[in-house]
């Protein structure tokens, strides 16, 4: 999806909303996972 965003971004000068939302959810999820694994947070993260 990021490869698609890169191609679209070069021509459009922005990332489409749907792609941005999909990638943002992933970055948020990996932050939650890293916080959980590193013991920076305690609850088990959601997979979403």
ModelCIF file with pLDDT and N, C-alpha, C, O atoms, coordinates in Angstrom:
data_MODEL
#
_entry.id   MODEL 
#
_entity.id                         1 
_entity.type                       polymer 
_entity.pdbx_number_of_molecules   1 
#
_entity_poly.entity_id                      1 
_entity_poly.type                           'polypeptide(L)' 
_entity_poly.nstd_linkage                   no 
_entity_poly.nstd_monomer                   no 
_entity_poly.pdbx_seq_one_letter_code       
;(UNK)(UNK)(UNK)(UNK)(UNK)(UNK)(UNK)(UNK)(UNK)(UNK)(UNK)(UNK)(UNK)(UNK)(UNK)(UNK)
(UNK)(UNK)(UNK)(UNK)(UNK)(UNK)(UNK)(UNK)(UNK)(UNK)(UNK)(UNK)(UNK)(UNK)(UNK)(UNK)
(UNK)(UNK)(UNK)(UNK)(UNK)(UNK)(UNK)(UNK)(UNK)(UNK)(UNK)(UNK)(UNK)(UNK)(UNK)(UNK)
;
_entity_poly.pdbx_seq_one_letter_code_can   XXXXXXXXXXXXXXXXXXXXXXXXXXXXXXXXXXXXXXXXXXXXXXXX 
_entity_poly.pdbx_strand_id                 A 
#
loop_
_entity_poly_seq.entity_id 
_entity_poly_seq.num 
_entity_poly_seq.mon_id 
_entity_poly_seq.hetero 
1 1  UNK n 
1 2  UNK n 
1 3  UNK n 
1 4  UNK n 
1 5  UNK n 
1 6  UNK n 
1 7  UNK n 
1 8  UNK n 
1 9  UNK n 
1 10 UNK n 
1 11 UNK n 
1 12 UNK n 
1 13 UNK n 
1 14 UNK n 
1 15 UNK n 
1 16 UNK n 
1 17 UNK n 
1 18 UNK n 
1 19 UNK n 
1 20 UNK n 
1 21 UNK n 
1 22 UNK n 
1 23 UNK n 
1 24 UNK n 
1 25 UNK n 
1 26 UNK n 
1 27 UNK n 
1 28 UNK n 
1 29 UNK n 
1 30 UNK n 
1 31 UNK n 
1 32 UNK n 
1 33 UNK n 
1 34 UNK n 
1 35 UNK n 
1 36 UNK n 
1 37 UNK n 
1 38 UNK n 
1 39 UNK n 
1 40 UNK n 
1 41 UNK n 
1 42 UNK n 
1 43 UNK n 
1 44 UNK n 
1 45 UNK n 
1 46 UNK n 
1 47 UNK n 
1 48 UNK n 
#
_struct_asym.id          A 
_struct_asym.entity_id   1 
#
loop_
_ma_qa_metric.id 
_ma_qa_metric.mode 
_ma_qa_metric.name 
_ma_qa_metric.software_group_id 
_ma_qa_metric.type 
1 global pLDDT . pLDDT 
2 local  pLDDT . pLDDT 
#
_ma_qa_metric_global.metric_id      1 
_ma_qa_metric_global.metric_value   96.75 
_ma_qa_metric_global.model_id       1 
_ma_qa_metric_global.ordinal_id     1 
#
loop_
_ma_qa_metric_local.label_asym_id 
_ma_qa_metric_local.label_comp_id 
_ma_qa_metric_local.label_seq_id 
_ma_qa_metric_local.metric_id 
_ma_qa_metric_local.metric_value 
_ma_qa_metric_local.model_id 
_ma_qa_metric_local.ordinal_id 
A UNK 1  2 97.00 1 1  
A UNK 2  2 97.00 1 2  
A UNK 3  2 97.00 1 3  
A UNK 4  2 97.00 1 4  
A UNK 5  2 97.00 1 5  
A UNK 6  2 97.00 1 6  
A UNK 7  2 97.00 1 7  
A UNK 8  2 97.00 1 8  
A UNK 9  2 96.00 1 9  
A UNK 10 2 96.00 1 10 
A UNK 11 2 95.00 1 11 
A UNK 12 2 95.00 1 12 
A UNK 13 2 94.00 1 13 
A UNK 14 2 94.00 1 14 
A UNK 15 2 96.00 1 15 
A UNK 16 2 96.00 1 16 
A UNK 17 2 96.00 1 17 
A UNK 18 2 96.00 1 18 
A UNK 19 2 97.00 1 19 
A UNK 20 2 97.00 1 20 
A UNK 21 2 97.00 1 21 
A UNK 22 2 97.00 1 22 
A UNK 23 2 98.00 1 23 
A UNK 24 2 97.00 1 24 
A UNK 25 2 97.00 1 25 
A UNK 26 2 98.00 1 26 
A UNK 27 2 98.00 1 27 
A UNK 28 2 98.00 1 28 
A UNK 29 2 98.00 1 29 
A UNK 30 2 98.00 1 30 
A UNK 31 2 98.00 1 31 
A UNK 32 2 98.00 1 32 
A UNK 33 2 98.00 1 33 
A UNK 34 2 98.00 1 34 
A UNK 35 2 98.00 1 35 
A UNK 36 2 97.00 1 36 
A UNK 37 2 97.00 1 37 
A UNK 38 2 97.00 1 38 
A UNK 39 2 97.00 1 39 
A UNK 40 2 97.00 1 40 
A UNK 41 2 97.00 1 41 
A UNK 42 2 96.00 1 42 
A UNK 43 2 96.00 1 43 
A UNK 44 2 97.00 1 44 
A UNK 45 2 97.00 1 45 
A UNK 46 2 96.00 1 46 
A UNK 47 2 96.00 1 47 
A UNK 48 2 94.00 1 48 
#
loop_
_atom_site.group_PDB 
_atom_site.id 
_atom_site.type_symbol 
_atom_site.label_atom_id 
_atom_site.label_alt_id 
_atom_site.label_comp_id 
_atom_site.label_asym_id 
_atom_site.label_entity_id 
_atom_site.label_seq_id 
_atom_site.pdbx_PDB_ins_code 
_atom_site.Cartn_x 
_atom_site.Cartn_y 
_atom_site.Cartn_z 
_atom_site.occupancy 
_atom_site.B_iso_or_equiv 
_atom_site.pdbx_formal_charge 
_atom_site.auth_seq_id 
_atom_site.auth_comp_id 
_atom_site.auth_asym_id 
_atom_site.auth_atom_id 
_atom_site.pdbx_PDB_model_num 
ATOM 1   N N  . UNK A 1 1  ? 0.834  -1.205 0.000  1.00 97.00 ? 1  UNK A N  1 
ATOM 2   C CA . UNK A 1 1  ? 0.000  0.000  0.000  1.00 97.00 ? 1  UNK A CA 1 
ATOM 3   C C  . UNK A 1 1  ? 0.871  1.259  0.000  1.00 97.00 ? 1  UNK A C  1 
ATOM 4   O O  . UNK A 1 1  ? 0.531  2.249  -0.647 1.00 97.00 ? 1  UNK A O  1 
ATOM 5   N N  . UNK A 1 2  ? 1.993  1.221  0.724  1.00 97.00 ? 2  UNK A N  1 
ATOM 6   C CA . UNK A 1 2  ? 2.897  2.373  0.767  1.00 97.00 ? 2  UNK A CA 1 
ATOM 7   C C  . UNK A 1 2  ? 3.520  2.619  -0.609 1.00 97.00 ? 2  UNK A C  1 
ATOM 8   O O  . UNK A 1 2  ? 3.727  3.769  -0.997 1.00 97.00 ? 2  UNK A O  1 
ATOM 9   N N  . UNK A 1 3  ? 3.815  1.561  -1.337 1.00 97.00 ? 3  UNK A N  1 
ATOM 10  C CA . UNK A 1 3  ? 4.340  1.728  -2.701 1.00 97.00 ? 3  UNK A CA 1 
ATOM 11  C C  . UNK A 1 3  ? 3.307  2.461  -3.570 1.00 97.00 ? 3  UNK A C  1 
ATOM 12  O O  . UNK A 1 3  ? 3.646  3.367  -4.330 1.00 97.00 ? 3  UNK A O  1 
ATOM 13  N N  . UNK A 1 4  ? 2.045  2.048  -3.439 1.00 97.00 ? 4  UNK A N  1 
ATOM 14  C CA . UNK A 1 4  ? 0.968  2.733  -4.168 1.00 97.00 ? 4  UNK A CA 1 
ATOM 15  C C  . UNK A 1 4  ? 0.888  4.193  -3.719 1.00 97.00 ? 4  UNK A C  1 
ATOM 16  O O  . UNK A 1 4  ? 0.758  5.094  -4.548 1.00 97.00 ? 4  UNK A O  1 
ATOM 17  N N  . UNK A 1 5  ? 0.965  4.427  -2.400 1.00 97.00 ? 5  UNK A N  1 
ATOM 18  C CA . UNK A 1 5  ? 0.901  5.793  -1.861 1.00 97.00 ? 5  UNK A CA 1 
ATOM 19  C C  . UNK A 1 5  ? 2.048  6.635  -2.402 1.00 97.00 ? 5  UNK A C  1 
ATOM 20  O O  . UNK A 1 5  ? 1.867  7.816  -2.700 1.00 97.00 ? 5  UNK A O  1 
ATOM 21  N N  . UNK A 1 6  ? 3.229  6.032  -2.528 1.00 97.00 ? 6  UNK A N  1 
ATOM 22  C CA . UNK A 1 6  ? 4.395  6.748  -3.037 1.00 97.00 ? 6  UNK A CA 1 
ATOM 23  C C  . UNK A 1 6  ? 4.159  7.194  -4.485 1.00 97.00 ? 6  UNK A C  1 
ATOM 24  O O  . UNK A 1 6  ? 4.443  8.337  -4.845 1.00 97.00 ? 6  UNK A O  1 
ATOM 25  N N  . UNK A 1 7  ? 3.640  6.283  -5.303 1.00 97.00 ? 7  UNK A N  1 
ATOM 26  C CA . UNK A 1 7  ? 3.375  6.609  -6.711 1.00 97.00 ? 7  UNK A CA 1 
ATOM 27  C C  . UNK A 1 7  ? 2.296  7.691  -6.817 1.00 97.00 ? 7  UNK A C  1 
ATOM 28  O O  . UNK A 1 7  ? 2.453  8.672  -7.544 1.00 97.00 ? 7  UNK A O  1 
ATOM 29  N N  . UNK A 1 8  ? 1.201  7.495  -6.081 1.00 97.00 ? 8  UNK A N  1 
ATOM 30  C CA . UNK A 1 8  ? 0.112  8.484  -6.113 1.00 97.00 ? 8  UNK A CA 1 
ATOM 31  C C  . UNK A 1 8  ? 0.602  9.826  -5.571 1.00 97.00 ? 8  UNK A C  1 
ATOM 32  O O  . UNK A 1 8  ? 0.282  10.879 -6.122 1.00 97.00 ? 8  UNK A O  1 
ATOM 33  N N  . UNK A 1 9  ? 1.377  9.781  -4.492 1.00 96.00 ? 9  UNK A N  1 
ATOM 34  C CA . UNK A 1 9  ? 1.868  11.006 -3.857 1.00 96.00 ? 9  UNK A CA 1 
ATOM 35  C C  . UNK A 1 9  ? 2.761  11.826 -4.760 1.00 96.00 ? 9  UNK A C  1 
ATOM 36  O O  . UNK A 1 9  ? 2.713  13.056 -4.733 1.00 96.00 ? 9  UNK A O  1 
ATOM 37  N N  . UNK A 1 10 ? 3.585  11.151 -5.569 1.00 96.00 ? 10 UNK A N  1 
ATOM 38  C CA . UNK A 1 10 ? 4.466  11.872 -6.490 1.00 96.00 ? 10 UNK A CA 1 
ATOM 39  C C  . UNK A 1 10 ? 3.647  12.698 -7.478 1.00 96.00 ? 10 UNK A C  1 
ATOM 40  O O  . UNK A 1 10 ? 4.034  13.810 -7.836 1.00 96.00 ? 10 UNK A O  1 
ATOM 41  N N  . UNK A 1 11 ? 2.528  12.157 -7.910 1.00 95.00 ? 11 UNK A N  1 
ATOM 42  C CA . UNK A 1 11 ? 1.700  12.859 -8.903 1.00 95.00 ? 11 UNK A CA 1 
ATOM 43  C C  . UNK A 1 11 ? 0.680  13.797 -8.253 1.00 95.00 ? 11 UNK A C  1 
ATOM 44  O O  . UNK A 1 11 ? 0.421  14.889 -8.760 1.00 95.00 ? 11 UNK A O  1 
ATOM 45  N N  . UNK A 1 12 ? 0.105  13.366 -7.132 1.00 95.00 ? 12 UNK A N  1 
ATOM 46  C CA . UNK A 1 12 ? -0.983 14.146 -6.523 1.00 95.00 ? 12 UNK A CA 1 
ATOM 47  C C  . UNK A 1 12 ? -0.508 15.100 -5.431 1.00 95.00 ? 12 UNK A C  1 
ATOM 48  O O  . UNK A 1 12 ? -1.208 16.056 -5.099 1.00 95.00 ? 12 UNK A O  1 
ATOM 49  N N  . UNK A 1 13 ? 0.688  14.845 -4.865 1.00 94.00 ? 13 UNK A N  1 
ATOM 50  C CA . UNK A 1 13 ? 1.173  15.700 -3.788 1.00 94.00 ? 13 UNK A CA 1 
ATOM 51  C C  . UNK A 1 13 ? 0.506  15.433 -2.449 1.00 94.00 ? 13 UNK A C  1 
ATOM 52  O O  . UNK A 1 13 ? 0.607  16.252 -1.536 1.00 94.00 ? 13 UNK A O  1 
ATOM 53  N N  . UNK A 1 14 ? -0.169 14.306 -2.317 1.00 94.00 ? 14 UNK A N  1 
ATOM 54  C CA . UNK A 1 14 ? -0.764 13.906 -1.035 1.00 94.00 ? 14 UNK A CA 1 
ATOM 55  C C  . UNK A 1 14 ? -1.121 12.429 -1.100 1.00 94.00 ? 14 UNK A C  1 
ATOM 56  O O  . UNK A 1 14 ? -1.235 11.847 -2.179 1.00 94.00 ? 14 UNK A O  1 
ATOM 57  N N  . UNK A 1 15 ? -1.293 11.841 0.068  1.00 96.00 ? 15 UNK A N  1 
ATOM 58  C CA . UNK A 1 15 ? -1.688 10.431 0.168  1.00 96.00 ? 15 UNK A CA 1 
ATOM 59  C C  . UNK A 1 15 ? -3.212 10.377 0.278  1.00 96.00 ? 15 UNK A C  1 
ATOM 60  O O  . UNK A 1 15 ? -3.793 11.118 1.071  1.00 96.00 ? 15 UNK A O  1 
ATOM 61  N N  . UNK A 1 16 ? -3.872 9.514  -0.505 1.00 96.00 ? 16 UNK A N  1 
ATOM 62  C CA . UNK A 1 16 ? -5.339 9.414  -0.412 1.00 96.00 ? 16 UNK A CA 1 
ATOM 63  C C  . UNK A 1 16 ? -5.803 9.045  0.995  1.00 96.00 ? 16 UNK A C  1 
ATOM 64  O O  . UNK A 1 16 ? -5.108 8.337  1.724  1.00 96.00 ? 16 UNK A O  1 
ATOM 65  N N  . UNK A 1 17 ? -6.980 9.530  1.366  1.00 96.00 ? 17 UNK A N  1 
ATOM 66  C CA . UNK A 1 17 ? -7.510 9.337  2.718  1.00 96.00 ? 17 UNK A CA 1 
ATOM 67  C C  . UNK A 1 17 ? -7.566 7.860  3.125  1.00 96.00 ? 17 UNK A C  1 
ATOM 68  O O  . UNK A 1 17 ? -7.159 7.510  4.233  1.00 96.00 ? 17 UNK A O  1 
ATOM 69  N N  . UNK A 1 18 ? -8.065 6.999  2.241  1.00 96.00 ? 18 UNK A N  1 
ATOM 70  C CA . UNK A 1 18 ? -8.201 5.578  2.571  1.00 96.00 ? 18 UNK A CA 1 
ATOM 71  C C  . UNK A 1 18 ? -6.870 4.915  2.858  1.00 96.00 ? 18 UNK A C  1 
ATOM 72  O O  . UNK A 1 18 ? -6.747 4.135  3.802  1.00 96.00 ? 18 UNK A O  1 
ATOM 73  N N  . UNK A 1 19 ? -5.873 5.224  2.043  1.00 97.00 ? 19 UNK A N  1 
ATOM 74  C CA . UNK A 1 19 ? -4.528 4.667  2.254  1.00 97.00 ? 19 UNK A CA 1 
ATOM 75  C C  . UNK A 1 19 ? -3.944 5.207  3.549  1.00 97.00 ? 19 UNK A C  1 
ATOM 76  O O  . UNK A 1 19 ? -3.360 4.462  4.337  1.00 97.00 ? 19 UNK A O  1 
ATOM 77  N N  . UNK A 1 20 ? -4.106 6.508  3.762  1.00 97.00 ? 20 UNK A N  1 
ATOM 78  C CA . UNK A 1 20 ? -3.607 7.130  4.996  1.00 97.00 ? 20 UNK A CA 1 
ATOM 79  C C  . UNK A 1 20 ? -4.212 6.451  6.221  1.00 97.00 ? 20 UNK A C  1 
ATOM 80  O O  . UNK A 1 20 ? -3.496 6.145  7.174  1.00 97.00 ? 20 UNK A O  1 
ATOM 81  N N  . UNK A 1 21 ? -5.517 6.215  6.206  1.00 97.00 ? 21 UNK A N  1 
ATOM 82  C CA . UNK A 1 21 ? -6.191 5.584  7.347  1.00 97.00 ? 21 UNK A CA 1 
ATOM 83  C C  . UNK A 1 21 ? -5.708 4.163  7.589  1.00 97.00 ? 21 UNK A C  1 
ATOM 84  O O  . UNK A 1 21 ? -5.511 3.757  8.734  1.00 97.00 ? 21 UNK A O  1 
ATOM 85  N N  . UNK A 1 22 ? -5.517 3.407  6.516  1.00 97.00 ? 22 UNK A N  1 
ATOM 86  C CA . UNK A 1 22 ? -5.054 2.018  6.630  1.00 97.00 ? 22 UNK A CA 1 
ATOM 87  C C  . UNK A 1 22 ? -3.649 1.953  7.231  1.00 97.00 ? 22 UNK A C  1 
ATOM 88  O O  . UNK A 1 22 ? -3.388 1.172  8.146  1.00 97.00 ? 22 UNK A O  1 
ATOM 89  N N  . UNK A 1 23 ? -2.757 2.779  6.705  1.00 98.00 ? 23 UNK A N  1 
ATOM 90  C CA . UNK A 1 23 ? -1.375 2.786  7.186  1.00 98.00 ? 23 UNK A CA 1 
ATOM 91  C C  . UNK A 1 23 ? -1.304 3.351  8.608  1.00 98.00 ? 23 UNK A C  1 
ATOM 92  O O  . UNK A 1 23 ? -0.536 2.857  9.433  1.00 98.00 ? 23 UNK A O  1 
ATOM 93  N N  . UNK A 1 24 ? -2.102 4.384  8.896  1.00 97.00 ? 24 UNK A N  1 
ATOM 94  C CA . UNK A 1 24 ? -2.118 4.978  10.238 1.00 97.00 ? 24 UNK A CA 1 
ATOM 95  C C  . UNK A 1 24 ? -2.561 3.957  11.276 1.00 97.00 ? 24 UNK A C  1 
ATOM 96  O O  . UNK A 1 24 ? -2.001 3.912  12.371 1.00 97.00 ? 24 UNK A O  1 
ATOM 97  N N  . UNK A 1 25 ? -3.556 3.137  10.951 1.00 97.00 ? 25 UNK A N  1 
ATOM 98  C CA . UNK A 1 25 ? -4.012 2.100  11.884 1.00 97.00 ? 25 UNK A CA 1 
ATOM 99  C C  . UNK A 1 25 ? -2.901 1.104  12.174 1.00 97.00 ? 25 UNK A C  1 
ATOM 100 O O  . UNK A 1 25 ? -2.744 0.640  13.303 1.00 97.00 ? 25 UNK A O  1 
ATOM 101 N N  . UNK A 1 26 ? -2.134 0.784  11.139 1.00 98.00 ? 26 UNK A N  1 
ATOM 102 C CA . UNK A 1 26 ? -1.022 -0.162 11.319 1.00 98.00 ? 26 UNK A CA 1 
ATOM 103 C C  . UNK A 1 26 ? 0.063  0.444  12.214 1.00 98.00 ? 26 UNK A C  1 
ATOM 104 O O  . UNK A 1 26 ? 0.566  -0.226 13.116 1.00 98.00 ? 26 UNK A O  1 
ATOM 105 N N  . UNK A 1 27 ? 0.421  1.690  11.973 1.00 98.00 ? 27 UNK A N  1 
ATOM 106 C CA . UNK A 1 27 ? 1.458  2.337  12.781 1.00 98.00 ? 27 UNK A CA 1 
ATOM 107 C C  . UNK A 1 27 ? 0.992  2.455  14.229 1.00 98.00 ? 27 UNK A C  1 
ATOM 108 O O  . UNK A 1 27 ? 1.781  2.272  15.156 1.00 98.00 ? 27 UNK A O  1 
ATOM 109 N N  . UNK A 1 28 ? -0.291 2.763  14.420 1.00 98.00 ? 28 UNK A N  1 
ATOM 110 C CA . UNK A 1 28 ? -0.839 2.829  15.776 1.00 98.00 ? 28 UNK A CA 1 
ATOM 111 C C  . UNK A 1 28 ? -0.785 1.439  16.441 1.00 98.00 ? 28 UNK A C  1 
ATOM 112 O O  . UNK A 1 28 ? -0.399 1.311  17.602 1.00 98.00 ? 28 UNK A O  1 
ATOM 113 N N  . UNK A 1 29 ? -1.178 0.413  15.686 1.00 98.00 ? 29 UNK A N  1 
ATOM 114 C CA . UNK A 1 29 ? -1.159 -0.957 16.217 1.00 98.00 ? 29 UNK A CA 1 
ATOM 115 C C  . UNK A 1 29 ? 0.255  -1.372 16.629 1.00 98.00 ? 29 UNK A C  1 
ATOM 116 O O  . UNK A 1 29 ? 0.445  -1.921 17.714 1.00 98.00 ? 29 UNK A O  1 
ATOM 117 N N  . UNK A 1 30 ? 1.239  -1.116 15.779 1.00 98.00 ? 30 UNK A N  1 
ATOM 118 C CA . UNK A 1 30 ? 2.604  -1.523 16.131 1.00 98.00 ? 30 UNK A CA 1 
ATOM 119 C C  . UNK A 1 30 ? 3.134  -0.734 17.332 1.00 98.00 ? 30 UNK A C  1 
ATOM 120 O O  . UNK A 1 30 ? 3.946  -1.241 18.105 1.00 98.00 ? 30 UNK A O  1 
ATOM 121 N N  . UNK A 1 31 ? 2.672  0.498  17.479 1.00 98.00 ? 31 UNK A N  1 
ATOM 122 C CA . UNK A 1 31 ? 3.048  1.267  18.676 1.00 98.00 ? 31 UNK A CA 1 
ATOM 123 C C  . UNK A 1 31 ? 2.458  0.623  19.921 1.00 98.00 ? 31 UNK A C  1 
ATOM 124 O O  . UNK A 1 31 ? 3.139  0.505  20.939 1.00 98.00 ? 31 UNK A O  1 
ATOM 125 N N  . UNK A 1 32 ? 1.188  0.202  19.850 1.00 98.00 ? 32 UNK A N  1 
ATOM 126 C CA . UNK A 1 32 ? 0.560  -0.495 20.977 1.00 98.00 ? 32 UNK A CA 1 
ATOM 127 C C  . UNK A 1 32 ? 1.306  -1.790 21.304 1.00 98.00 ? 32 UNK A C  1 
ATOM 128 O O  . UNK A 1 32 ? 1.552  -2.098 22.470 1.00 98.00 ? 32 UNK A O  1 
ATOM 129 N N  . UNK A 1 33 ? 1.661  -2.544 20.258 1.00 98.00 ? 33 UNK A N  1 
ATOM 130 C CA . UNK A 1 33 ? 2.374  -3.814 20.464 1.00 98.00 ? 33 UNK A CA 1 
ATOM 131 C C  . UNK A 1 33 ? 3.730  -3.564 21.119 1.00 98.00 ? 33 UNK A C  1 
ATOM 132 O O  . UNK A 1 33 ? 4.099  -4.249 22.073 1.00 98.00 ? 33 UNK A O  1 
ATOM 133 N N  . UNK A 1 34 ? 4.463  -2.590 20.609 1.00 98.00 ? 34 UNK A N  1 
ATOM 134 C CA . UNK A 1 34 ? 5.764  -2.277 21.202 1.00 98.00 ? 34 UNK A CA 1 
ATOM 135 C C  . UNK A 1 34 ? 5.629  -1.792 22.640 1.00 98.00 ? 34 UNK A C  1 
ATOM 136 O O  . UNK A 1 34 ? 6.464  -2.106 23.489 1.00 98.00 ? 34 UNK A O  1 
ATOM 137 N N  . UNK A 1 35 ? 4.574  -1.024 22.909 1.00 98.00 ? 35 UNK A N  1 
ATOM 138 C CA . UNK A 1 35 ? 4.342  -0.556 24.279 1.00 98.00 ? 35 UNK A CA 1 
ATOM 139 C C  . UNK A 1 35 ? 4.033  -1.735 25.196 1.00 98.00 ? 35 UNK A C  1 
ATOM 140 O O  . UNK A 1 35 ? 4.519  -1.791 26.325 1.00 98.00 ? 35 UNK A O  1 
ATOM 141 N N  . UNK A 1 36 ? 3.231  -2.669 24.712 1.00 97.00 ? 36 UNK A N  1 
ATOM 142 C CA . UNK A 1 36 ? 2.891  -3.844 25.511 1.00 97.00 ? 36 UNK A CA 1 
ATOM 143 C C  . UNK A 1 36 ? 4.121  -4.713 25.745 1.00 97.00 ? 36 UNK A C  1 
ATOM 144 O O  . UNK A 1 36 ? 4.406  -5.097 26.879 1.00 97.00 ? 36 UNK A O  1 
ATOM 145 N N  . UNK A 1 37 ? 4.847  -5.022 24.676 1.00 97.00 ? 37 UNK A N  1 
ATOM 146 C CA . UNK A 1 37 ? 6.004  -5.901 24.788 1.00 97.00 ? 37 UNK A CA 1 
ATOM 147 C C  . UNK A 1 37 ? 7.099  -5.303 25.668 1.00 97.00 ? 37 UNK A C  1 
ATOM 148 O O  . UNK A 1 37 ? 7.753  -6.018 26.428 1.00 97.00 ? 37 UNK A O  1 
ATOM 149 N N  . UNK A 1 38 ? 7.291  -4.005 25.563 1.00 97.00 ? 38 UNK A N  1 
ATOM 150 C CA . UNK A 1 38 ? 8.358  -3.341 26.325 1.00 97.00 ? 38 UNK A CA 1 
ATOM 151 C C  . UNK A 1 38 ? 7.955  -3.059 27.768 1.00 97.00 ? 38 UNK A C  1 
ATOM 152 O O  . UNK A 1 38 ? 8.766  -2.572 28.556 1.00 97.00 ? 38 UNK A O  1 
ATOM 153 N N  . UNK A 1 39 ? 6.711  -3.361 28.115 1.00 97.00 ? 39 UNK A N  1 
ATOM 154 C CA . UNK A 1 39 ? 6.135  -3.152 29.448 1.00 97.00 ? 39 UNK A CA 1 
ATOM 155 C C  . UNK A 1 39 ? 5.909  -1.670 29.732 1.00 97.00 ? 39 UNK A C  1 
ATOM 156 O O  . UNK A 1 39 ? 5.779  -1.266 30.887 1.00 97.00 ? 39 UNK A O  1 
ATOM 157 N N  . UNK A 1 40 ? 5.864  -0.867 28.675 1.00 97.00 ? 40 UNK A N  1 
ATOM 158 C CA . UNK A 1 40 ? 5.484  0.541  28.829 1.00 97.00 ? 40 UNK A CA 1 
ATOM 159 C C  . UNK A 1 40 ? 3.985  0.661  29.067 1.00 97.00 ? 40 UNK A C  1 
ATOM 160 O O  . UNK A 1 40 ? 3.507  1.702  29.519 1.00 97.00 ? 40 UNK A O  1 
ATOM 161 N N  . UNK A 1 41 ? 3.233  -0.411 28.763 1.00 97.00 ? 41 UNK A N  1 
ATOM 162 C CA . UNK A 1 41 ? 1.785  -0.456 29.020 1.00 97.00 ? 41 UNK A CA 1 
ATOM 163 C C  . UNK A 1 41 ? 1.432  -1.864 29.479 1.00 97.00 ? 41 UNK A C  1 
ATOM 164 O O  . UNK A 1 41 ? 2.184  -2.810 29.241 1.00 97.00 ? 41 UNK A O  1 
ATOM 165 N N  . UNK A 1 42 ? 0.280  -1.998 30.142 1.00 96.00 ? 42 UNK A N  1 
ATOM 166 C CA . UNK A 1 42 ? -0.079 -3.293 30.718 1.00 96.00 ? 42 UNK A CA 1 
ATOM 167 C C  . UNK A 1 42 ? -1.174 -4.058 29.972 1.00 96.00 ? 42 UNK A C  1 
ATOM 168 O O  . UNK A 1 42 ? -1.029 -5.269 29.805 1.00 96.00 ? 42 UNK A O  1 
ATOM 169 N N  . UNK A 1 43 ? -2.275 -3.421 29.508 1.00 96.00 ? 43 UNK A N  1 
ATOM 170 C CA . UNK A 1 43 ? -3.361 -4.205 28.894 1.00 96.00 ? 43 UNK A CA 1 
ATOM 171 C C  . UNK A 1 43 ? -2.948 -4.820 27.564 1.00 96.00 ? 43 UNK A C  1 
ATOM 172 O O  . UNK A 1 43 ? -2.082 -4.300 26.861 1.00 96.00 ? 43 UNK A O  1 
ATOM 173 N N  . UNK A 1 44 ? -3.586 -5.935 27.237 1.00 97.00 ? 44 UNK A N  1 
ATOM 174 C CA . UNK A 1 44 ? -3.324 -6.580 25.948 1.00 97.00 ? 44 UNK A CA 1 
ATOM 175 C C  . UNK A 1 44 ? -3.929 -5.711 24.848 1.00 97.00 ? 44 UNK A C  1 
ATOM 176 O O  . UNK A 1 44 ? -5.096 -5.329 24.936 1.00 97.00 ? 44 UNK A O  1 
ATOM 177 N N  . UNK A 1 45 ? -3.151 -5.395 23.814 1.00 97.00 ? 45 UNK A N  1 
ATOM 178 C CA . UNK A 1 45 ? -3.672 -4.498 22.758 1.00 97.00 ? 45 UNK A CA 1 
ATOM 179 C C  . UNK A 1 45 ? -4.718 -5.171 21.878 1.00 97.00 ? 45 UNK A C  1 
ATOM 180 O O  . UNK A 1 45 ? -4.736 -6.393 21.737 1.00 97.00 ? 45 UNK A O  1 
ATOM 181 N N  . UNK A 1 46 ? -5.570 -4.371 21.302 1.00 96.00 ? 46 UNK A N  1 
ATOM 182 C CA . UNK A 1 46 ? -6.521 -4.827 20.293 1.00 96.00 ? 46 UNK A CA 1 
ATOM 183 C C  . UNK A 1 46 ? -5.763 -5.100 18.996 1.00 96.00 ? 46 UNK A C  1 
ATOM 184 O O  . UNK A 1 46 ? -4.742 -4.467 18.726 1.00 96.00 ? 46 UNK A O  1 
ATOM 185 N N  . UNK A 1 47 ? -6.258 -6.034 18.199 1.00 96.00 ? 47 UNK A N  1 
ATOM 186 C CA . UNK A 1 47 ? -5.626 -6.363 16.922 1.00 96.00 ? 47 UNK A CA 1 
ATOM 187 C C  . UNK A 1 47 ? -6.021 -5.385 15.809 1.00 96.00 ? 47 UNK A C  1 
ATOM 188 O O  . UNK A 1 47 ? -5.552 -5.510 14.678 1.00 96.00 ? 47 UNK A O  1 
ATOM 189 N N  . UNK A 1 48 ? -6.867 -4.428 16.124 1.00 94.00 ? 48 UNK A N  1 
ATOM 190 C CA . UNK A 1 48 ? -7.380 -3.516 15.097 1.00 94.00 ? 48 UNK A CA 1 
ATOM 191 C C  . UNK A 1 48 ? -6.591 -2.206 14.993 1.00 94.00 ? 48 UNK A C  1 
ATOM 192 O O  . UNK A 1 48 ? -6.918 -1.353 14.169 1.00 94.00 ? 48 UNK A O  1 
#
